[in-house]
Every structure is written in C-alpha cells, then in structure tokens.
PDB file of N, CA and C in Angstrom:
ATOM      1  N   MET A   1     -20.124   9.786 -14.366  1.00  0.00           N
ATOM      2  CA  MET A   1     -19.027   9.525 -13.459  1.00  0.00           C
ATOM      3  C   MET A   1     -19.404   9.974 -12.219  1.00  0.00           C
ATOM      4  N   GLY A   2     -18.903   9.253 -11.303  1.00  0.00           N
ATOM      5  CA  GLY A   2     -19.450   9.125  -9.715  1.00  0.00           C
ATOM      6  C   GLY A   2     -18.787   9.865  -9.002  1.00  0.00           C
ATOM      7  N   MET A   3     -18.790  10.582  -8.010  1.00  0.00           N
ATOM      8  CA  MET A   3     -17.815  11.142  -7.303  1.00  0.00           C
ATOM      9  C   MET A   3     -16.757  10.048  -6.554  1.00  0.00           C
ATOM     10  N   TRP A   4     -16.840   8.793  -6.828  1.00  0.00           N
ATOM     11  CA  TRP A   4     -15.791   7.916  -5.951  1.00  0.00           C
ATOM     12  C   TRP A   4     -14.945   7.308  -7.141  1.00  0.00           C
ATOM     13  N   LEU A   5     -15.549   7.296  -8.404  1.00  0.00           N
ATOM     14  CA  LEU A   5     -14.476   6.749  -9.368  1.00  0.00           C
ATOM     15  C   LEU A   5     -13.208   7.496  -9.534  1.00  0.00           C
ATOM     16  N   ILE A   6     -12.623   8.476  -9.853  1.00  0.00           N
ATOM     17  CA  ILE A   6     -11.564   9.047  -9.804  1.00  0.00           C
ATOM     18  C   ILE A   6     -10.715   8.496  -8.899  1.00  0.00           C
ATOM     19  N   PRO A   7     -10.932   8.934  -7.257  1.00  0.00           N
ATOM     20  CA  PRO A   7     -10.300   8.416  -6.108  1.00  0.00           C
ATOM     21  C   PRO A   7     -10.053   6.670  -5.984  1.00  0.00           C
ATOM     22  N   ALA A   8     -11.186   6.459  -6.667  1.00  0.00           N
ATOM     23  CA  ALA A   8     -11.004   4.605  -6.500  1.00  0.00           C
ATOM     24  C   ALA A   8      -9.823   4.116  -7.708  1.00  0.00           C
ATOM     25  N   ILE A   9      -9.650   4.888  -8.730  1.00  0.00           N
ATOM     26  CA  ILE A   9      -8.876   4.464  -9.698  1.00  0.00           C
ATOM     27  C   ILE A   9      -7.410   4.945  -9.394  1.00  0.00           C
ATOM     28  N   ILE A  10      -7.081   5.980  -8.852  1.00  0.00           N
ATOM     29  CA  ILE A  10      -6.378   6.198  -8.234  1.00  0.00           C
ATOM     30  C   ILE A  10      -5.519   5.427  -6.946  1.00  0.00           C
ATOM     31  N   ALA A  11      -6.556   5.167  -6.356  1.00  0.00           N
ATOM     32  CA  ALA A  11      -5.944   4.440  -5.168  1.00  0.00           C
ATOM     33  C   ALA A  11      -5.746   2.821  -5.666  1.00  0.00           C
ATOM     34  N   ILE A  12      -6.420   2.249  -7.015  1.00  0.00           N
ATOM     35  CA  ILE A  12      -6.342   0.936  -7.278  1.00  0.00           C
ATOM     36  C   ILE A  12      -4.684   1.056  -7.961  1.00  0.00           C
ATOM     37  N   VAL A  13      -4.491   1.904  -8.840  1.00  0.00           N
ATOM     38  CA  VAL A  13      -3.485   2.083  -9.081  1.00  0.00           C
ATOM     39  C   VAL A  13      -2.140   2.317  -8.276  1.00  0.00           C
ATOM     40  N   ILE A  14      -2.339   3.204  -6.968  1.00  0.00           N
ATOM     41  CA  ILE A  14      -0.918   3.588  -6.408  1.00  0.00           C
ATOM     42  C   ILE A  14      -1.029   1.935  -5.624  1.00  0.00           C
ATOM     43  N   ILE A  15      -2.149   1.197  -4.977  1.00  0.00           N
ATOM     44  CA  ILE A  15      -1.894  -0.402  -4.269  1.00  0.00           C
ATOM     45  C   ILE A  15      -1.041  -1.340  -5.320  1.00  0.00           C
ATOM     46  N   SER A  16      -1.720  -1.204  -6.776  1.00  0.00           N
ATOM     47  CA  SER A  16      -0.869  -2.173  -7.762  1.00  0.00           C
ATOM     48  C   SER A  16       0.316  -1.925  -7.580  1.00  0.00           C
ATOM     49  N   ALA A  17       0.536  -0.470  -8.131  1.00  0.00           N
ATOM     50  CA  ALA A  17       2.058  -0.273  -7.823  1.00  0.00           C
ATOM     51  C   ALA A  17       3.345  -0.862  -6.852  1.00  0.00           C
ATOM     52  N   ILE A  18       2.577  -0.699  -5.888  1.00  0.00           N
ATOM     53  CA  ILE A  18       3.213  -0.826  -4.475  1.00  0.00           C
ATOM     54  C   ILE A  18       3.567  -2.344  -4.495  1.00  0.00           C
ATOM     55  N   SER A  19       2.228  -3.211  -4.749  1.00  0.00           N
ATOM     56  CA  SER A  19       2.161  -4.407  -4.670  1.00  0.00           C
ATOM     57  C   SER A  19       3.123  -5.104  -5.766  1.00  0.00           C
ATOM     58  N   PHE A  20       3.282  -4.495  -6.751  1.00  0.00           N
ATOM     59  CA  PHE A  20       4.330  -4.985  -7.993  1.00  0.00           C
ATOM     60  C   PHE A  20       5.457  -4.922  -7.424  1.00  0.00           C
ATOM     61  N   VAL A  21       5.939  -3.685  -7.154  1.00  0.00           N
ATOM     62  CA  VAL A  21       7.220  -3.516  -6.758  1.00  0.00           C
ATOM     63  C   VAL A  21       7.742  -4.508  -5.568  1.00  0.00           C
ATOM     64  N   TYR A  22       6.833  -4.804  -4.456  1.00  0.00           N
ATOM     65  CA  TYR A  22       7.331  -5.765  -3.506  1.00  0.00           C
ATOM     66  C   TYR A  22       7.220  -7.011  -3.958  1.00  0.00           C
ATOM     67  N   THR A  23       6.419  -7.397  -5.060  1.00  0.00           N
ATOM     68  CA  THR A  23       6.217  -8.773  -5.336  1.00  0.00           C
ATOM     69  C   THR A  23       7.836  -8.929  -6.192  1.00  0.00           C
ATOM     70  N   LEU A  24       8.332  -8.123  -6.812  1.00  0.00           N
ATOM     71  CA  LEU A  24       9.745  -8.152  -7.559  1.00  0.00           C
ATOM     72  C   LEU A  24      10.557  -8.494  -6.594  1.00  0.00           C
ATOM     73  N   LYS A  25      10.391  -7.709  -5.364  1.00  0.00           N
ATOM     74  CA  LYS A  25      11.638  -7.624  -4.865  1.00  0.00           C
ATOM     75  C   LYS A  25      11.615  -9.010  -3.973  1.00  0.00           C
ATOM     76  N   ILE A  26      10.649  -9.603  -3.247  1.00  0.00           N
ATOM     77  CA  ILE A  26      10.432 -10.826  -3.260  1.00  0.00           C
ATOM     78  C   ILE A  26      10.806 -11.842  -3.765  1.00  0.00           C
ATOM     79  N   ALA A  27      10.720 -11.609  -5.116  1.00  0.00           N
ATOM     80  CA  ALA A  27      11.025 -12.592  -6.267  1.00  0.00           C
ATOM     81  C   ALA A  27      12.475 -12.671  -6.627  1.00  0.00           C
ATOM     82  N   LYS A  28      12.889 -11.500  -6.289  1.00  0.00           N
ATOM     83  CA  LYS A  28      14.068 -11.378  -6.536  1.00  0.00           C
ATOM     84  C   LYS A  28      15.080 -12.125  -5.213  1.00  0.00           C
ATOM     85  N   MET A  29      14.625 -11.899  -4.091  1.00  0.00           N
ATOM     86  CA  MET A  29      15.170 -12.429  -3.007  1.00  0.00           C
ATOM     87  C   MET A  29      15.099 -13.920  -2.771  1.00  0.00           C
ATOM     88  N   THR A  30      14.146 -14.485  -3.310  1.00  0.00           N
ATOM     89  CA  THR A  30      13.740 -15.642  -3.593  1.00  0.00           C
ATOM     90  C   THR A  30      14.712 -16.453  -4.580  1.00  0.00           C
ATOM     91  N   SER A  31      14.995 -15.856  -5.746  1.00  0.00           N
ATOM     92  CA  SER A  31      15.718 -16.483  -6.591  1.00  0.00           C
ATOM     93  C   SER A  31      17.362 -16.325  -6.294  1.00  0.00           C
ATOM     94  N   GLU A  32      17.828 -15.537  -5.275  1.00  0.00           N
ATOM     95  CA  GLU A  32      19.062 -15.364  -4.858  1.00  0.00           C
ATOM     96  C   GLU A  32      19.570 -16.083  -3.503  1.00  0.00           C
ATOM     97  N   ARG A  33      18.002 -16.666  -2.940  1.00  0.00           N
ATOM     98  CA  ARG A  33      18.525 -17.466  -1.699  1.00  0.00           C
ATOM     99  C   ARG A  33      19.770 -18.899  -2.242  1.00  0.00           C
ATOM    100  N   LYS A  34      20.449 -18.337  -1.135  1.00  0.00           N
ATOM    101  CA  LYS A  34      21.809 -19.867  -1.225  1.00  0.00           C
ATOM    102  C   LYS A  34      21.240 -20.968  -0.880  1.00  0.00           C
ATOM    103  N   SER A  35      20.392 -21.061  -0.001  1.00  0.00           N
ATOM    104  CA  SER A  35      20.269 -22.516   0.627  1.00  0.00           C
ATOM    105  C   SER A  35      18.582 -22.976   0.510  1.00  0.00           C
ATOM    106  N   GLU A  36      17.940 -23.912   0.703  1.00  0.00           N
ATOM    107  CA  GLU A  36      16.577 -24.417   0.573  1.00  0.00           C
ATOM    108  C   GLU A  36      16.314 -23.829   2.301  1.00  0.00           C
ATOM    109  N   ASN A  37      16.811 -23.321   3.274  1.00  0.00           N
ATOM    110  CA  ASN A  37      16.489 -23.276   4.277  1.00  0.00           C
ATOM    111  C   ASN A  37      16.118 -21.742   4.423  1.00  0.00           C
ATOM    112  N   ASP A  38      14.780 -21.249   5.246  1.00  0.00           N
ATOM    113  CA  ASP A  38      14.593 -20.066   5.455  1.00  0.00           C
ATOM    114  C   ASP A  38      15.616 -19.112   5.530  1.00  0.00           C
ATOM    115  N   THR A  39      15.913 -17.863   5.230  1.00  0.00           N
ATOM    116  CA  THR A  39      16.956 -16.714   5.610  1.00  0.00           C
ATOM    117  C   THR A  39      16.536 -16.358   6.485  1.00  0.00           C
ATOM    118  N   PRO A  40      17.493 -15.430   7.558  1.00  0.00           N
ATOM    119  CA  PRO A  40      17.136 -15.174   8.526  1.00  0.00           C
ATOM    120  C   PRO A  40      16.619 -13.529   8.264  1.00  0.00           C
ATOM    121  N   ILE A  41      15.518 -13.080   9.096  1.00  0.00           N
ATOM    122  CA  ILE A  41      14.664 -11.883   8.892  1.00  0.00           C
ATOM    123  C   ILE A  41      16.003 -10.723   9.318  1.00  0.00           C
ATOM    124  N   SER A  42      16.024  -9.953   8.514  1.00  0.00           N
ATOM    125  CA  SER A  42      16.565  -8.420   8.390  1.00  0.00           C
ATOM    126  C   SER A  42      16.078  -7.836   9.442  1.00  0.00           C
ATOM    127  N   GLU A  43      17.341  -7.213   9.773  1.00  0.00           N
ATOM    128  CA  GLU A  43      16.921  -6.315  11.048  1.00  0.00           C
ATOM    129  C   GLU A  43      15.841  -5.087  10.870  1.00  0.00           C
ATOM    130  N   THR A  44      15.483  -4.395   9.557  1.00  0.00           N
ATOM    131  CA  THR A  44      14.507  -3.840   9.165  1.00  0.00           C
ATOM    132  C   THR A  44      13.358  -4.120   9.335  1.00  0.00           C
ATOM    133  N   VAL A  45      13.005  -5.589   8.744  1.00  0.00           N
ATOM    134  CA  VAL A  45      11.625  -6.237   9.214  1.00  0.00           C
ATOM    135  C   VAL A  45      11.418  -6.255  10.517  1.00  0.00           C
ATOM    136  N   GLU A  46      12.419  -6.717  11.022  1.00  0.00           N
ATOM    137  CA  GLU A  46      12.343  -6.717  12.437  1.00  0.00           C
ATOM    138  C   GLU A  46      11.806  -5.487  13.253  1.00  0.00           C
ATOM    139  N   GLU A  47      12.436  -4.633  12.927  1.00  0.00           N
ATOM    140  CA  GLU A  47      12.248  -3.190  13.582  1.00  0.00           C
ATOM    141  C   GLU A  47      10.595  -2.551  13.000  1.00  0.00           C
ATOM    142  N   TYR A  48      10.749  -2.440  11.871  1.00  0.00           N
ATOM    143  CA  TYR A  48       9.262  -1.963  11.150  1.00  0.00           C
ATOM    144  C   TYR A  48       8.370  -2.615  10.588  1.00  0.00           C
ATOM    145  N   ALA A  49       7.924  -4.051  11.390  1.00  0.00           N
ATOM    146  CA  ALA A  49       7.155  -5.286  10.677  1.00  0.00           C
ATOM    147  C   ALA A  49       5.967  -4.610  10.643  1.00  0.00           C
ATOM    148  N   THR A  50       5.287  -3.674  11.186  1.00  0.00           N
ATOM    149  CA  THR A  50       4.155  -3.180  10.814  1.00  0.00           C
ATOM    150  C   THR A  50       3.976  -2.588   9.868  1.00  0.00           C
ATOM    151  N   MET A  51       5.044  -1.467  10.022  1.00  0.00           N
ATOM    152  CA  MET A  51       4.868  -0.774   8.806  1.00  0.00           C
ATOM    153  C   MET A  51       5.220  -1.222   7.163  1.00  0.00           C
ATOM    154  N   LEU A  52       5.805  -2.038   7.215  1.00  0.00           N
ATOM    155  CA  LEU A  52       6.113  -2.942   6.053  1.00  0.00           C
ATOM    156  C   LEU A  52       5.021  -3.817   5.627  1.00  0.00           C
ATOM    157  N   ASN A  53       3.706  -4.032   6.497  1.00  0.00           N
ATOM    158  CA  ASN A  53       2.878  -4.652   6.245  1.00  0.00           C
ATOM    159  C   ASN A  53       2.004  -4.228   4.946  1.00  0.00           C
ATOM    160  N   PRO A  54       1.606  -4.533   3.779  1.00  0.00           N
ATOM    161  CA  PRO A  54       0.714  -4.259   2.758  1.00  0.00           C
ATOM    162  C   PRO A  54      -0.699  -3.781   2.994  1.00  0.00           C
ATOM    163  N   ILE A  55      -1.257  -4.479   4.219  1.00  0.00           N
ATOM    164  CA  ILE A  55      -2.309  -4.146   4.548  1.00  0.00           C
ATOM    165  C   ILE A  55      -2.448  -2.806   5.556  1.00  0.00           C
ATOM    166  N   VAL A  56      -1.409  -2.556   6.345  1.00  0.00           N
ATOM    167  CA  VAL A  56      -1.465  -1.466   7.086  1.00  0.00           C
ATOM    168  C   VAL A  56      -1.474  -0.372   5.939  1.00  0.00           C
ATOM    169  N   TRP A  57      -0.287  -0.323   4.628  1.00  0.00           N
ATOM    170  CA  TRP A  57      -0.486   0.842   3.810  1.00  0.00           C
ATOM    171  C   TRP A  57      -1.937   0.789   2.925  1.00  0.00           C
ATOM    172  N   VAL A  58      -2.807  -0.276   2.587  1.00  0.00           N
ATOM    173  CA  VAL A  58      -3.930  -0.049   2.427  1.00  0.00           C
ATOM    174  C   VAL A  58      -4.784   0.590   3.284  1.00  0.00           C
ATOM    175  N   TYR A  59      -4.762   0.358   4.413  1.00  0.00           N
ATOM    176  CA  TYR A  59      -5.927   1.199   5.150  1.00  0.00           C
ATOM    177  C   TYR A  59      -5.144   2.610   5.278  1.00  0.00           C
ATOM    178  N   ALA A  60      -4.108   2.998   5.169  1.00  0.00           N
ATOM    179  CA  ALA A  60      -3.508   4.702   5.459  1.00  0.00           C
ATOM    180  C   ALA A  60      -4.491   5.103   3.818  1.00  0.00           C
ATOM    181  N   ILE A  61      -3.754   4.636   2.621  1.00  0.00           N
ATOM    182  CA  ILE A  61      -4.186   5.173   1.445  1.00  0.00           C
ATOM    183  C   ILE A  61      -5.926   5.461   1.447  1.00  0.00           C
ATOM    184  N   PHE A  62      -6.453   4.301   2.093  1.00  0.00           N
ATOM    185  CA  PHE A  62      -7.932   4.446   2.132  1.00  0.00           C
ATOM    186  C   PHE A  62      -8.426   5.517   2.740  1.00  0.00           C
ATOM    187  N   LEU A  63      -7.718   5.688   4.424  1.00  0.00           N
ATOM    188  CA  LEU A  63      -8.208   6.772   5.228  1.00  0.00           C
ATOM    189  C   LEU A  63      -7.391   8.329   4.607  1.00  0.00           C
ATOM    190  N   LEU A  64      -6.467   8.097   3.621  1.00  0.00           N
ATOM    191  CA  LEU A  64      -6.189   9.403   3.398  1.00  0.00           C
ATOM    192  C   LEU A  64      -7.216   9.907   2.034  1.00  0.00           C
ATOM    193  N   PHE A  65      -7.766   8.816   0.994  1.00  0.00           N
ATOM    194  CA  PHE A  65      -8.883   9.148   0.297  1.00  0.00           C
ATOM    195  C   PHE A  65      -9.892   9.469   0.789  1.00  0.00           C
ATOM    196  N   LEU A  66     -10.171   9.408   2.093  1.00  0.00           N
ATOM    197  CA  LEU A  66     -11.832   9.229   2.504  1.00  0.00           C
ATOM    198  C   LEU A  66     -11.626  10.510   3.289  1.00  0.00           C
ATOM    199  N   GLY A  67     -10.610  10.762   3.749  1.00  0.00           N
ATOM    200  CA  GLY A  67     -10.576  12.129   4.247  1.00  0.00           C
ATOM    201  C   GLY A  67     -10.206  13.577   2.994  1.00  0.00           C
ATOM    202  N   ILE A  68      -9.742  12.939   2.138  1.00  0.00           N
ATOM    203  CA  ILE A  68     -10.019  13.980   0.926  1.00  0.00           C
ATOM    204  C   ILE A  68     -11.503  14.023   0.488  1.00  0.00           C
ATOM    205  N   MET A  69     -11.901  13.143   0.322  1.00  0.00           N
ATOM    206  CA  MET A  69     -13.378  12.974  -0.269  1.00  0.00           C
ATOM    207  C   MET A  69     -14.193  14.139   0.677  1.00  0.00           C
ATOM    208  N   ILE A  70     -13.913  13.451   1.962  1.00  0.00           N
ATOM    209  CA  ILE A  70     -15.083  14.410   2.913  1.00  0.00           C
ATOM    210  C   ILE A  70     -14.727  15.864   3.124  1.00  0.00           C
ATOM    211  N   PHE A  71     -13.187  16.118   2.971  1.00  0.00           N
ATOM    212  CA  PHE A  71     -13.104  17.572   2.457  1.00  0.00           C
ATOM    213  C   PHE A  71     -13.432  18.174   1.632  1.00  0.00           C
ATOM    214  N   TYR A  72     -13.768  17.143   0.236  1.00  0.00           N
ATOM    215  CA  TYR A  72     -13.865  18.071  -1.018  1.00  0.00           C
ATOM    216  C   TYR A  72     -15.615  18.345  -1.049  1.00  0.00           C
ATOM    217  N   TYR A  73     -15.833  17.207  -0.040  1.00  0.00           N
ATOM    218  CA  TYR A  73     -17.728  17.314  -0.256  1.00  0.00           C
ATOM    219  C   TYR A  73     -17.995  18.533   0.763  1.00  0.00           C
ATOM    220  N   TRP A  74     -17.381  18.716   1.904  1.00  0.00           N
ATOM    221  CA  TRP A  74     -17.487  19.606   2.733  1.00  0.00           C
ATOM    222  C   TRP A  74     -17.442  21.014   2.036  1.00  0.00           C
ATOM    223  N   SER A  75     -16.251  21.022   1.291  1.00  0.00           N
ATOM    224  CA  SER A  75     -16.227  22.548   0.954  1.00  0.00           C
ATOM    225  C   SER A  75     -16.997  22.729  -0.749  1.00  0.00           C
ATOM    226  N   LYS A  76     -17.638  21.499  -1.012  1.00  0.00           N
ATOM    227  CA  LYS A  76     -18.359  21.626  -2.173  1.00  0.00           C
ATOM    228  C   LYS A  76     -19.930  22.380  -1.502  1.00  0.00           C
ATOM    229  N   THR A  77     -20.170  21.225  -0.768  1.00  0.00           N
ATOM    230  CA  THR A  77     -21.495  21.694  -0.454  1.00  0.00           C
ATOM    231  C   THR A  77     -21.974  22.689   1.106  1.00  0.00           C
ATOM    232  N   GLY A  78     -20.736  23.081   1.926  1.00  0.00           N
ATOM    233  CA  GLY A  78     -20.758  23.912   3.073  1.00  0.00           C
ATOM    234  C   GLY A  78     -21.289  23.088   4.107  1.00  0.00           C
ATOM    235  N   TYR A  79     -21.627  21.962   4.284  1.00  0.00           N
ATOM    236  CA  TYR A  79     -22.434  21.436   5.206  1.00  0.00           C
ATOM    237  C   TYR A  79     -21.333  20.527   6.184  1.00  0.00           C
TER     238      TYR A  79
END
C-alpha cells in the first residue's frame, strides 16, 4: 500500500458523502417546488455563496489532507 492510499480513500468517502447529502437536498427542493418558475434564492445562499460551493469544500479537504501528509512525512523522516 502506498502512502497516499488511505488518505485518498478517506477523502473520496467524505466528498462522496457530502455530495450525496447535497444532491438529496436539491432533489427534495426540486420535487417540492410549487411552480415551474425558478424559486427565489434563499438568504443563506446569498450570504454564503462561496462557502456552499462544493468545489471550495474539495479544495479545503485536499489542503487539509496534504497538510496532514506533509506533517506525517516530516515527523517520520525528520526533514
């Protein structure tokens, strides 16, 4: 097993779970929509549009695991 296998599997599981939950929320909102017109954007989305973006979460998780792996490598080798 390579050094990156376990962190990659953990990242894939976390990203998949978050994506699945958000997909279910969007599907529920779509099925509950009362008209064919677009619904107004909620205030939460307007205020936190960047933080609710899944791409931002992917980058944040990647940087977190990268930091963990760098720290692990540094503590193991002493460089």
